[in-house]
Amino acid sequence: MKTRIVRIGNSQGVRIPKPLLEEAGLEGDVELRITDEGLVVAPAAPRAGWRDDAEALRARGESGLIDEAVPTAFDETEWVWA
């Protein structure tokens, strides 16, 4: 299928027909990457592998913050802790 690159605000984009989106299973967030063949639009993998990594850290007792929290002016004047 041939289409045209169009202006969308300050960017440019491609309108993808609904049947193609449905056939590809694309909705919501997608990932864009460049390959030797061109631009690929693929379903976004939500934090691939993060669950396993977090469980491994927890098992080693390393699941806390790396650095101590540093209060900011926002924390002291604008944020209400309930």
C-alpha atoms as a PDB file:
ATOM      1  CA  MET A   1       0.000   0.000   0.000  1.00  0.00           C
ATOM      2  CA  LYS A   2       1.320   3.420  -0.907  1.00  0.00           C
ATOM      3  CA  THR A   3       0.728   6.458   1.315  1.00  0.00           C
ATOM      4  CA  ARG A   4       2.086   9.964   1.764  1.00  0.00           C
ATOM      5  CA  ILE A   5       4.062  11.638   4.549  1.00  0.00           C
ATOM      6  CA  VAL A   6       1.933  14.522   5.881  1.00  0.00           C
ATOM      7  CA  ARG A   7       2.541  17.480   8.188  1.00  0.00           C
ATOM      8  CA  ILE A   8       1.173  17.006  11.717  1.00  0.00           C
ATOM      9  CA  GLY A   9       1.836  20.172  13.736  1.00  0.00           C
ATOM     10  CA  ASN A  10       5.613  20.733  13.748  1.00  0.00           C
ATOM     11  CA  SER A  11       6.234  17.082  12.874  1.00  0.00           C
ATOM     12  CA  GLN A  12       5.439  14.792  10.007  1.00  0.00           C
ATOM     13  CA  GLY A  13       3.640  11.473  10.037  1.00  0.00           C
ATOM     14  CA  VAL A  14       1.996   8.715   8.096  1.00  0.00           C
ATOM     15  CA  ARG A  15      -1.705   7.905   8.375  1.00  0.00           C
ATOM     16  CA  ILE A  16      -2.090   4.163   8.780  1.00  0.00           C
ATOM     17  CA  PRO A  17      -5.420   2.746   7.596  1.00  0.00           C
ATOM     18  CA  LYS A  18      -7.472   0.956  10.244  1.00  0.00           C
ATOM     19  CA  PRO A  19      -7.418  -2.449   8.468  1.00  0.00           C
ATOM     20  CA  LEU A  20      -3.601  -2.422   8.484  1.00  0.00           C
ATOM     21  CA  LEU A  21      -3.500  -1.490  12.176  1.00  0.00           C
ATOM     22  CA  GLU A  22      -5.906  -4.311  12.999  1.00  0.00           C
ATOM     23  CA  GLU A  23      -4.007  -6.858  10.904  1.00  0.00           C
ATOM     24  CA  ALA A  24      -0.699  -5.837  12.526  1.00  0.00           C
ATOM     25  CA  GLY A  25      -2.242  -5.834  16.024  1.00  0.00           C
ATOM     26  CA  LEU A  26      -1.077  -2.277  16.669  1.00  0.00           C
ATOM     27  CA  GLU A  27      -2.773  -0.030  19.215  1.00  0.00           C
ATOM     28  CA  GLY A  28      -1.663   2.355  21.915  1.00  0.00           C
ATOM     29  CA  ASP A  29       2.110   2.694  22.269  1.00  0.00           C
ATOM     30  CA  VAL A  30       4.418   1.482  19.512  1.00  0.00           C
ATOM     31  CA  GLU A  31       8.169   1.336  19.033  1.00  0.00           C
ATOM     32  CA  LEU A  32       9.913   2.807  15.999  1.00  0.00           C
ATOM     33  CA  ARG A  33      13.261   1.509  14.811  1.00  0.00           C
ATOM     34  CA  ILE A  34      15.378   1.775  11.700  1.00  0.00           C
ATOM     35  CA  THR A  35      16.532  -1.386   9.925  1.00  0.00           C
ATOM     36  CA  ASP A  36      18.356  -2.000   6.643  1.00  0.00           C
ATOM     37  CA  GLU A  37      14.917  -2.283   5.024  1.00  0.00           C
ATOM     38  CA  GLY A  38      13.611   1.011   6.412  1.00  0.00           C
ATOM     39  CA  LEU A  39      11.371   2.168   9.260  1.00  0.00           C
ATOM     40  CA  VAL A  40       9.658  -0.519  11.376  1.00  0.00           C
ATOM     41  CA  VAL A  41       6.592   0.180  13.539  1.00  0.00           C
ATOM     42  CA  ALA A  42       6.115  -2.566  16.154  1.00  0.00           C
ATOM     43  CA  PRO A  43       4.058  -3.067  19.317  1.00  0.00           C
ATOM     44  CA  ALA A  44       5.816  -1.549  22.328  1.00  0.00           C
ATOM     45  CA  ALA A  45       7.224  -4.164  24.675  1.00  0.00           C
ATOM     46  CA  PRO A  46       6.400  -2.823  28.129  1.00  0.00           C
ATOM     47  CA  ARG A  47       9.692  -2.908  29.992  1.00  0.00           C
ATOM     48  CA  ALA A  48      10.794  -6.246  28.617  1.00  0.00           C
ATOM     49  CA  GLY A  49      12.687  -8.228  31.277  1.00  0.00           C
ATOM     50  CA  TRP A  50      12.146  -5.715  34.090  1.00  0.00           C
ATOM     51  CA  ARG A  51      10.027  -8.098  36.171  1.00  0.00           C
ATOM     52  CA  ASP A  52      12.717 -10.796  36.196  1.00  0.00           C
ATOM     53  CA  ASP A  53      15.425  -8.228  36.991  1.00  0.00           C
ATOM     54  CA  ALA A  54      13.389  -6.748  39.860  1.00  0.00           C
ATOM     55  CA  GLU A  55      12.739 -10.202  41.316  1.00  0.00           C
ATOM     56  CA  ALA A  56      16.463 -11.032  41.139  1.00  0.00           C
ATOM     57  CA  LEU A  57      17.313  -7.774  42.972  1.00  0.00           C
ATOM     58  CA  ARG A  58      14.689  -8.499  45.623  1.00  0.00           C
ATOM     59  CA  ALA A  59      16.069 -12.025  46.126  1.00  0.00           C
ATOM     60  CA  ARG A  60      19.542 -10.522  46.732  1.00  0.00           C
ATOM     61  CA  GLY A  61      18.147  -7.888  49.105  1.00  0.00           C
ATOM     62  CA  GLU A  62      19.026  -5.053  46.725  1.00  0.00           C
ATOM     63  CA  SER A  63      15.563  -3.730  45.913  1.00  0.00           C
ATOM     64  CA  GLY A  64      15.858  -0.391  47.756  1.00  0.00           C
ATOM     65  CA  LEU A  65      16.790   3.041  46.465  1.00  0.00           C
ATOM     66  CA  ILE A  66      20.349   3.518  45.236  1.00  0.00           C
ATOM     67  CA  ASP A  67      20.659   6.999  46.761  1.00  0.00           C
ATOM     68  CA  GLU A  68      18.957   8.633  49.711  1.00  0.00           C
ATOM     69  CA  ALA A  69      16.061  10.909  48.795  1.00  0.00           C
ATOM     70  CA  VAL A  70      17.066  14.586  48.700  1.00  0.00           C
ATOM     71  CA  PRO A  71      14.251  16.983  49.641  1.00  0.00           C
ATOM     72  CA  THR A  72      13.590  19.844  47.249  1.00  0.00           C
ATOM     73  CA  ALA A  73      11.789  23.168  47.607  1.00  0.00           C
ATOM     74  CA  PHE A  74       8.757  21.494  46.018  1.00  0.00           C
ATOM     75  CA  ASP A  75       8.748  18.845  48.768  1.00  0.00           C
ATOM     76  CA  GLU A  76       9.021  21.454  51.506  1.00  0.00           C
ATOM     77  CA  THR A  77       6.575  24.104  50.250  1.00  0.00           C
ATOM     78  CA  GLU A  78       4.212  22.689  47.629  1.00  0.00           C
ATOM     79  CA  TRP A  79       3.663  19.048  48.417  1.00  0.00           C
ATOM     80  CA  VAL A  80       1.172  18.026  51.070  1.00  0.00           C
ATOM     81  CA  TRP A  81       1.948  14.657  52.604  1.00  0.00           C
ATOM     82  CA  ALA A  82      -1.199  12.975  53.785  1.00  0.00           C
END
